[in-house]
Amino acid sequence: MKKKVIIIGSAWPLRGGGIATFNERLARAFMQEGHEVIIYSFSLQYPSFLFPGKSQYGNEPRPADLTIHSCINSINPFNWIRSGNTIRKENADLVVVRYWLPFMGPCLGTILRMVRKNKRSKIICIADNVVPHEKRIGDSAFTRYFIQPVDAFITLSEKVLHDLKLFTQKPSIATVHPLYDNFGEPISKHDARLALGVPSDKKIILFFGFIRQYKGLDLLLRAMSILKQQQDAPLLLIAGEFYEDRQSYEQLIDELGIRDLLILRTDFIPDSEVRNYLCAADFVIQPYRHATQSGITPLSYHFEKPMLVTNVGALPAMVPHEQAGIVTTPDPAAIARGIQQLYSLGEAHFLFHLRNEKKKYNWQVLTHTIWRLSENQ
């Protein structure tokens, strides 16, 4: 039976760091099931002091198949009430709200209190993080305020589910992060490297995504200095925008003497180019210091790229050791050994396991979980 679904969270023209991409893909999954879907996004997502990148906006064309209202102002309480009343009047059967940062707690919590007044909409939260990577004063209070009007929760890792249980005993379930399958089908490594203008005859590993301290790029750079001491070290393609001080990384690169092993593409990577980066690499490296889950993992599964991940958060559960990739400790020497092991085993070793494992990461698993939770409220 056709139902009305509202998704509250980042969407075009915001970049969202994967969250906007996720929300738009989730909308299409609901639409494929025959439902009406509206996304309510932000007219102002972050004040400038909270946004470390160059721009909050992408340059991709507007998605012609999606209904997106960019009307929520994260710092204007009058807007929260107005937006909440607008969404309340939609009388949706289901409201799915994304929660990834306590800063959003007052805004989203107020909107959801308005929505509840229609006594119809079931409110399900998809929580990317409950305890943030970078902690600030007020985090716990903002999160508790947000949680109160939500009916039930979905997390994308057991770690976030555990964190959530510290705040509430409302119905909640952990499920897998679905595949990012909206960046096109894989292309050959040769064609991808040609498109990027990178060497076609070299070993290349990839670090992909926004550069933040917890993602451990500095650990990977130190691992590269270890690999440089041996013959035939791979090149490291770093693709993603700096979300913290670039200079400290530049200084480390020069101190380690590894600039000749690096290909730096440190501007924002638009959706239209994502496929080229993933397909150009031999392996994807995720040297995280700590993590809940990572959107890079399902992205790598879609393009069937073996991974190195560190044994933090949900990453080891998502990447079975020596099957879909290699799991190491977040230590430069261990990461260097892991990269050597990837090449020793070879890409072909992982392909069967990657294709088998990626079957878990289906969008219908997520939508069915959401419906099941909402129907029990």
Protein backbone atom coordinates (compact mmCIF):
# COMPACT_ATOMS: atom_id res chain seq x y z
CA MET A 1 0.00 0.00 0.00
CA LYS A 2 1.34 3.40 -0.97
CA LYS A 3 2.42 5.50 2.00
CA LYS A 4 3.80 8.97 2.50
CA VAL A 5 7.39 9.17 3.73
CA ILE A 6 9.32 12.25 4.81
CA ILE A 7 13.08 12.22 5.25
CA ILE A 8 14.58 14.99 7.38
CA GLY A 9 18.27 15.52 6.70
CA SER A 10 20.89 16.82 4.29
CA ALA A 11 20.21 16.63 0.56
CA TRP A 12 21.03 18.47 -2.66
CA PRO A 13 22.53 21.05 -3.02
CA LEU A 14 24.37 20.29 0.23
CA ARG A 15 27.39 18.04 0.08
CA GLY A 16 26.72 16.37 3.41
CA GLY A 17 29.85 14.20 3.56
CA GLY A 18 27.94 11.11 2.48
CA ILE A 19 24.80 11.89 4.47
CA ALA A 20 23.18 13.77 1.59
CA THR A 21 24.05 10.94 -0.79
CA PHE A 22 22.61 8.41 1.67
CA ASN A 23 19.37 10.34 2.14
CA GLU A 24 18.79 10.69 -1.59
CA ARG A 25 19.50 7.00 -2.18
CA LEU A 26 17.16 6.06 0.69
CA ALA A 27 14.44 8.21 -0.86
CA ARG A 28 14.80 6.31 -4.12
CA ALA A 29 14.62 2.98 -2.26
CA PHE A 30 11.27 4.00 -0.76
CA MET A 31 10.10 5.28 -4.14
CA GLN A 32 10.99 1.95 -5.76
CA GLU A 33 8.60 0.35 -3.26
CA GLY A 34 5.84 2.63 -4.55
CA HIS A 35 5.77 5.24 -1.78
CA GLU A 36 5.56 9.04 -2.00
CA VAL A 37 8.76 10.60 -0.62
CA ILE A 38 9.67 14.17 0.31
CA ILE A 39 13.05 15.25 1.68
CA TYR A 40 13.14 18.24 4.03
CA SER A 41 16.70 19.53 3.99
CA PHE A 42 18.55 22.59 5.26
CA SER A 43 18.63 26.12 3.95
CA LEU A 44 21.43 26.61 6.51
CA GLN A 45 23.03 23.42 7.78
CA TYR A 46 26.07 24.69 9.71
CA PRO A 47 27.22 28.12 10.81
CA SER A 48 30.62 28.83 9.29
CA PHE A 49 32.54 28.21 12.54
CA LEU A 50 31.33 24.60 12.60
CA PHE A 51 32.10 23.83 8.96
CA PRO A 52 35.79 23.11 8.28
CA GLY A 53 35.57 22.67 4.50
CA LYS A 54 35.65 25.21 1.68
CA SER A 55 31.95 25.09 0.82
CA GLN A 56 28.84 23.34 2.12
CA TYR A 57 27.43 23.17 -1.40
CA GLY A 58 28.21 20.92 -4.32
CA ASN A 59 27.94 21.66 -8.02
CA GLU A 60 25.96 18.62 -9.10
CA PRO A 61 22.68 19.20 -11.02
CA ARG A 62 19.44 19.02 -9.08
CA PRO A 63 18.09 15.43 -8.91
CA ALA A 64 15.13 15.51 -11.27
CA ASP A 65 13.42 12.50 -9.67
CA LEU A 66 13.41 13.77 -6.07
CA THR A 67 11.24 16.27 -4.18
CA ILE A 68 13.56 18.28 -1.93
CA HIS A 69 12.53 21.26 0.21
CA SER A 70 15.56 23.18 1.52
CA CYS A 71 13.94 25.10 4.34
CA ILE A 72 15.43 24.15 7.74
CA ASN A 73 17.74 26.67 9.42
CA SER A 74 19.82 24.89 12.07
CA ILE A 75 20.35 28.01 14.22
CA ASN A 76 16.98 29.79 14.03
CA PRO A 77 14.45 28.58 16.67
CA PHE A 78 11.58 30.38 14.93
CA ASN A 79 12.41 28.44 11.79
CA TRP A 80 12.39 25.16 13.76
CA ILE A 81 8.81 25.76 14.85
CA ARG A 82 7.73 26.89 11.39
CA SER A 83 9.43 23.91 9.69
CA GLY A 84 8.02 21.51 12.27
CA ASN A 85 4.49 22.76 11.69
CA THR A 86 4.94 22.50 7.91
CA ILE A 87 6.05 18.88 8.21
CA ARG A 88 3.29 18.15 10.75
CA LYS A 89 0.67 19.25 8.24
CA GLU A 90 2.04 16.77 5.67
CA ASN A 91 0.49 13.99 7.82
CA ALA A 92 3.12 11.53 6.65
CA ASP A 93 2.83 7.90 7.64
CA LEU A 94 6.55 7.80 8.33
CA VAL A 95 9.18 10.41 9.20
CA VAL A 96 12.80 9.28 8.96
CA VAL A 97 15.26 11.68 10.58
CA ARG A 98 19.05 11.52 10.40
CA TYR A 99 21.12 12.24 13.52
CA TRP A 100 24.88 12.56 13.25
CA LEU A 101 25.91 15.53 15.39
CA PRO A 102 24.64 16.79 18.78
CA PHE A 103 24.67 20.33 17.43
CA MET A 104 21.57 19.33 15.46
CA GLY A 105 19.75 18.14 18.59
CA PRO A 106 17.90 21.37 19.47
CA CYS A 107 16.84 22.02 15.87
CA LEU A 108 15.70 18.50 15.01
CA GLY A 109 14.30 17.82 18.48
CA THR A 110 12.06 20.89 18.24
CA ILE A 111 10.90 20.04 14.72
CA LEU A 112 9.98 16.50 15.80
CA ARG A 113 8.00 17.80 18.79
CA MET A 114 5.91 19.79 16.34
CA VAL A 115 5.48 16.78 14.04
CA ARG A 116 4.23 14.54 16.87
CA LYS A 117 1.24 16.79 17.33
CA ASN A 118 -0.43 15.30 14.25
CA LYS A 119 -0.73 12.00 16.19
CA ARG A 120 -0.17 10.12 12.95
CA SER A 121 3.46 10.15 11.84
CA LYS A 122 5.78 7.47 13.19
CA ILE A 123 9.24 8.92 13.76
CA ILE A 124 12.26 6.68 13.12
CA CYS A 125 15.80 7.99 13.58
CA ILE A 126 18.81 6.69 11.68
CA ALA A 127 21.68 7.51 14.03
CA ASP A 128 25.11 7.71 12.42
CA ASN A 129 26.69 8.78 15.69
CA VAL A 130 25.36 9.38 19.17
CA VAL A 131 28.69 10.15 20.82
CA PRO A 132 30.48 12.43 18.34
CA HIS A 133 34.05 12.02 17.09
CA GLU A 134 34.93 15.53 18.31
CA LYS A 135 33.27 16.20 21.66
CA ARG A 136 31.88 19.59 22.72
CA ILE A 137 30.15 21.02 25.78
CA GLY A 138 26.42 20.34 25.65
CA ASP A 139 26.62 17.18 23.55
CA SER A 140 24.75 14.96 26.02
CA ALA A 141 22.02 17.51 26.75
CA PHE A 142 21.41 18.15 23.05
CA THR A 143 21.23 14.42 22.30
CA ARG A 144 18.76 13.77 25.14
CA TYR A 145 16.56 16.61 23.87
CA PHE A 146 16.59 15.12 20.38
CA ILE A 147 15.81 11.58 21.52
CA GLN A 148 12.62 12.37 23.46
CA PRO A 149 10.15 12.72 20.51
CA VAL A 150 11.61 9.80 18.48
CA ASP A 151 9.67 6.51 18.44
CA ALA A 152 12.50 4.13 17.52
CA PHE A 153 16.08 4.08 16.30
CA ILE A 154 18.25 2.41 13.70
CA THR A 155 22.02 2.51 13.99
CA LEU A 156 24.52 1.50 11.34
CA SER A 157 26.84 -0.28 13.76
CA GLU A 158 26.77 -2.13 17.07
CA LYS A 159 29.07 0.54 18.51
CA VAL A 160 26.50 3.30 17.94
CA LEU A 161 23.75 1.02 19.26
CA HIS A 162 25.76 0.58 22.46
CA ASP A 163 26.23 4.35 22.74
CA LEU A 164 22.51 4.89 22.16
CA LYS A 165 21.63 2.55 25.04
CA LEU A 166 23.40 4.97 27.37
CA PHE A 167 20.71 7.53 26.54
CA THR A 168 17.49 5.59 25.97
CA GLN A 169 15.85 2.18 26.11
CA LYS A 170 13.44 2.96 23.27
CA PRO A 171 13.21 0.30 20.53
CA SER A 172 16.43 0.24 18.52
CA ILE A 173 18.24 -2.07 16.15
CA ALA A 174 21.61 -2.11 14.38
CA THR A 175 21.73 -2.87 10.68
CA VAL A 176 24.35 -2.63 7.96
CA HIS A 177 25.16 0.50 5.96
CA PRO A 178 23.78 -0.19 2.46
CA LEU A 179 25.88 0.00 -0.68
CA TYR A 180 26.53 3.35 -2.28
CA ASP A 181 25.45 2.01 -5.65
CA ASN A 182 24.46 5.34 -7.16
CA PHE A 183 27.87 6.32 -8.54
CA GLY A 184 27.63 4.14 -11.63
CA GLU A 185 28.97 0.72 -12.50
CA PRO A 186 32.68 -0.14 -12.23
CA ILE A 187 34.96 0.70 -15.13
CA SER A 188 38.37 -0.74 -15.95
CA LYS A 189 41.37 0.32 -13.92
CA HIS A 190 43.04 1.51 -17.14
CA ASP A 191 40.12 3.78 -18.09
CA ALA A 192 39.81 5.15 -14.54
CA ARG A 193 43.50 6.00 -14.35
CA LEU A 194 43.39 7.58 -17.78
CA ALA A 195 40.47 9.77 -16.68
CA LEU A 196 42.38 10.88 -13.56
CA GLY A 197 45.72 11.29 -15.30
CA VAL A 198 47.56 8.97 -12.91
CA PRO A 199 50.16 6.33 -13.86
CA SER A 200 48.71 3.23 -15.49
CA ASP A 201 51.73 1.03 -14.71
CA LYS A 202 52.19 1.68 -10.97
CA LYS A 203 50.78 0.16 -7.80
CA ILE A 204 48.24 2.63 -6.37
CA ILE A 205 46.41 2.54 -3.05
CA LEU A 206 43.61 4.98 -2.17
CA PHE A 207 42.71 7.06 0.87
CA PHE A 208 39.27 8.49 0.10
CA GLY A 209 37.04 10.99 1.92
CA PHE A 210 37.23 14.08 4.07
CA ILE A 211 40.53 14.36 5.95
CA ARG A 212 39.94 14.50 9.69
CA GLN A 213 42.17 13.54 12.59
CA TYR A 214 40.21 10.44 13.58
CA LYS A 215 40.58 8.95 10.09
CA GLY A 216 44.30 8.41 10.65
CA LEU A 217 45.80 9.73 7.43
CA ASP A 218 48.95 10.60 9.38
CA LEU A 219 49.27 6.93 10.38
CA LEU A 220 49.06 5.97 6.73
CA LEU A 221 51.68 8.58 5.77
CA ARG A 222 54.04 7.07 8.36
CA ALA A 223 53.28 3.62 6.96
CA MET A 224 54.25 4.92 3.51
CA SER A 225 57.65 5.97 4.86
CA ILE A 226 58.17 2.38 6.02
CA LEU A 227 57.12 1.00 2.64
CA LYS A 228 59.47 3.43 0.88
CA GLN A 229 62.43 1.63 2.41
CA GLN A 230 61.53 -1.42 0.35
CA GLN A 231 61.46 -1.92 -3.39
CA ASP A 232 58.38 -1.22 -5.48
CA ALA A 233 56.43 0.80 -2.89
CA PRO A 234 52.92 1.73 -4.06
CA LEU A 235 51.79 5.26 -4.74
CA LEU A 236 49.20 6.67 -2.35
CA LEU A 237 46.33 8.54 -3.98
CA ILE A 238 44.77 10.88 -1.40
CA ALA A 239 41.35 11.99 -2.62
CA GLY A 240 39.34 14.27 -0.36
CA GLU A 241 39.14 17.73 1.14
CA PHE A 242 41.04 18.76 4.27
CA TYR A 243 38.65 19.28 7.16
CA GLU A 244 41.44 20.39 9.46
CA ASP A 245 44.82 22.13 9.21
CA ARG A 246 46.49 21.08 5.97
CA GLN A 247 49.85 22.47 6.98
CA SER A 248 50.52 19.83 9.63
CA TYR A 249 50.10 17.11 6.98
CA GLU A 250 52.31 18.94 4.49
CA GLN A 251 54.99 19.26 7.14
CA LEU A 252 54.75 15.57 8.01
CA ILE A 253 55.02 14.61 4.34
CA ASP A 254 58.24 16.60 3.98
CA GLU A 255 59.67 15.29 7.25
CA LEU A 256 59.06 11.72 6.09
CA GLY A 257 60.42 12.38 2.60
CA ILE A 258 57.51 10.66 0.85
CA ARG A 259 56.13 13.35 -1.43
CA ASP A 260 57.29 11.36 -4.46
CA LEU A 261 54.95 8.53 -3.39
CA LEU A 262 51.85 10.71 -3.11
CA ILE A 263 49.18 11.86 -5.56
CA LEU A 264 47.27 14.65 -3.84
CA ARG A 265 43.73 15.39 -5.03
CA THR A 266 42.61 17.32 -1.97
CA ASP A 267 39.67 19.27 -3.31
CA PHE A 268 36.11 18.07 -2.81
CA ILE A 269 35.43 15.06 -5.03
CA PRO A 270 32.11 15.53 -6.90
CA ASP A 271 29.77 12.56 -7.29
CA SER A 272 30.53 12.34 -11.01
CA GLU A 273 34.20 11.56 -10.29
CA VAL A 274 33.85 9.12 -7.37
CA ARG A 275 33.81 6.08 -9.65
CA ASN A 276 37.13 7.02 -11.24
CA TYR A 277 38.94 7.16 -7.90
CA LEU A 278 37.63 3.85 -6.62
CA CYS A 279 38.23 2.03 -9.90
CA ALA A 280 41.74 3.47 -10.32
CA ALA A 281 42.99 1.95 -7.05
CA ASP A 282 44.33 -1.50 -6.32
CA PHE A 283 43.15 -1.30 -2.71
CA VAL A 284 41.28 1.14 -0.44
CA ILE A 285 42.97 2.00 2.88
CA GLN A 286 40.98 3.08 5.96
CA PRO A 287 43.56 3.68 8.74
CA TYR A 288 41.07 5.04 11.28
CA ARG A 289 42.11 5.79 14.85
CA HIS A 290 38.51 5.29 15.98
CA ALA A 291 35.23 4.89 14.16
CA THR A 292 31.59 3.90 14.41
CA GLN A 293 31.12 2.79 10.81
CA SER A 294 32.34 4.16 7.51
CA GLY A 295 30.53 4.96 4.29
CA ILE A 296 33.78 4.24 2.43
CA THR A 297 33.35 0.53 3.18
CA PRO A 298 30.03 0.03 1.33
CA LEU A 299 31.38 2.27 -1.42
CA SER A 300 34.38 -0.07 -1.76
CA TYR A 301 32.08 -3.09 -1.79
CA HIS A 302 30.07 -1.63 -4.65
CA PHE A 303 33.22 -1.22 -6.75
CA GLU A 304 34.56 -4.58 -5.48
CA LYS A 305 37.76 -3.11 -4.09
CA PRO A 306 39.59 -4.99 -1.32
CA MET A 307 40.21 -2.89 1.78
CA LEU A 308 42.58 -2.44 4.65
CA VAL A 309 40.75 -1.34 7.79
CA THR A 310 41.85 -0.93 11.38
CA ASN A 311 40.25 -2.89 14.20
CA VAL A 312 38.09 -0.03 15.50
CA GLY A 313 34.31 0.40 15.67
CA ALA A 314 32.32 -1.68 13.21
CA LEU A 315 35.08 -1.86 10.60
CA PRO A 316 36.37 -5.37 11.42
CA ALA A 317 32.83 -6.78 11.33
CA MET A 318 32.24 -5.15 7.94
CA VAL A 319 35.50 -6.39 6.40
CA PRO A 320 36.21 -10.08 7.19
CA HIS A 321 39.97 -10.52 7.57
CA GLU A 322 41.74 -12.05 4.56
CA GLN A 323 38.38 -12.33 2.77
CA ALA A 324 37.14 -8.84 1.91
CA GLY A 325 40.39 -7.25 3.00
CA ILE A 326 42.94 -7.02 5.79
CA VAL A 327 42.33 -5.90 9.38
CA THR A 328 45.21 -4.35 11.33
CA THR A 329 45.80 -2.31 14.45
CA PRO A 330 45.89 1.51 13.99
CA ASP A 331 49.68 1.58 13.97
CA PRO A 332 51.97 2.62 11.09
CA ALA A 333 54.07 -0.56 11.13
CA ALA A 334 50.95 -2.76 11.22
CA ILE A 335 49.34 -0.76 8.41
CA ALA A 336 52.50 -1.09 6.30
CA ARG A 337 52.51 -4.87 6.85
CA GLY A 338 48.81 -5.00 5.98
CA ILE A 339 49.40 -3.19 2.68
CA GLN A 340 52.17 -5.65 1.85
CA GLN A 341 49.80 -8.51 2.66
CA LEU A 342 47.14 -7.10 0.33
CA TYR A 343 49.63 -7.13 -2.53
CA SER A 344 50.99 -10.53 -1.55
CA LEU A 345 47.52 -12.08 -1.69
CA GLY A 346 46.54 -10.10 -4.79
CA GLU A 347 43.27 -8.53 -5.86
CA ALA A 348 41.88 -11.77 -7.34
CA HIS A 349 42.11 -13.49 -3.94
CA PHE A 350 39.45 -11.16 -2.51
CA LEU A 351 37.01 -10.99 -5.41
CA PHE A 352 34.79 -13.98 -4.56
CA HIS A 353 34.47 -12.88 -0.93
CA LEU A 354 33.74 -9.26 -1.90
CA ARG A 355 30.95 -10.29 -4.24
CA ASN A 356 29.47 -12.65 -1.66
CA GLU A 357 29.75 -10.18 1.23
CA LYS A 358 28.23 -7.26 -0.67
CA LYS A 359 24.92 -9.12 -0.96
CA LYS A 360 24.25 -8.13 2.68
CA TYR A 361 24.35 -4.44 1.86
CA ASN A 362 20.95 -4.09 0.25
CA TRP A 363 18.75 -1.00 0.56
CA GLN A 364 15.66 -3.15 0.99
CA VAL A 365 17.17 -4.57 4.19
CA LEU A 366 17.17 -1.02 5.55
CA THR A 367 13.71 0.00 4.33
CA HIS A 368 12.15 -3.23 5.62
CA THR A 369 13.79 -2.68 9.00
CA ILE A 370 12.42 0.86 9.12
CA TRP A 371 8.88 -0.29 8.28
CA ARG A 372 9.04 -3.09 10.82
CA LEU A 373 10.08 -0.70 13.57
CA SER A 374 7.44 1.86 12.66
CA GLU A 375 4.63 -0.68 12.57
CA ASN A 376 5.44 -1.82 16.10
CA GLN A 377 5.04 1.67 17.57
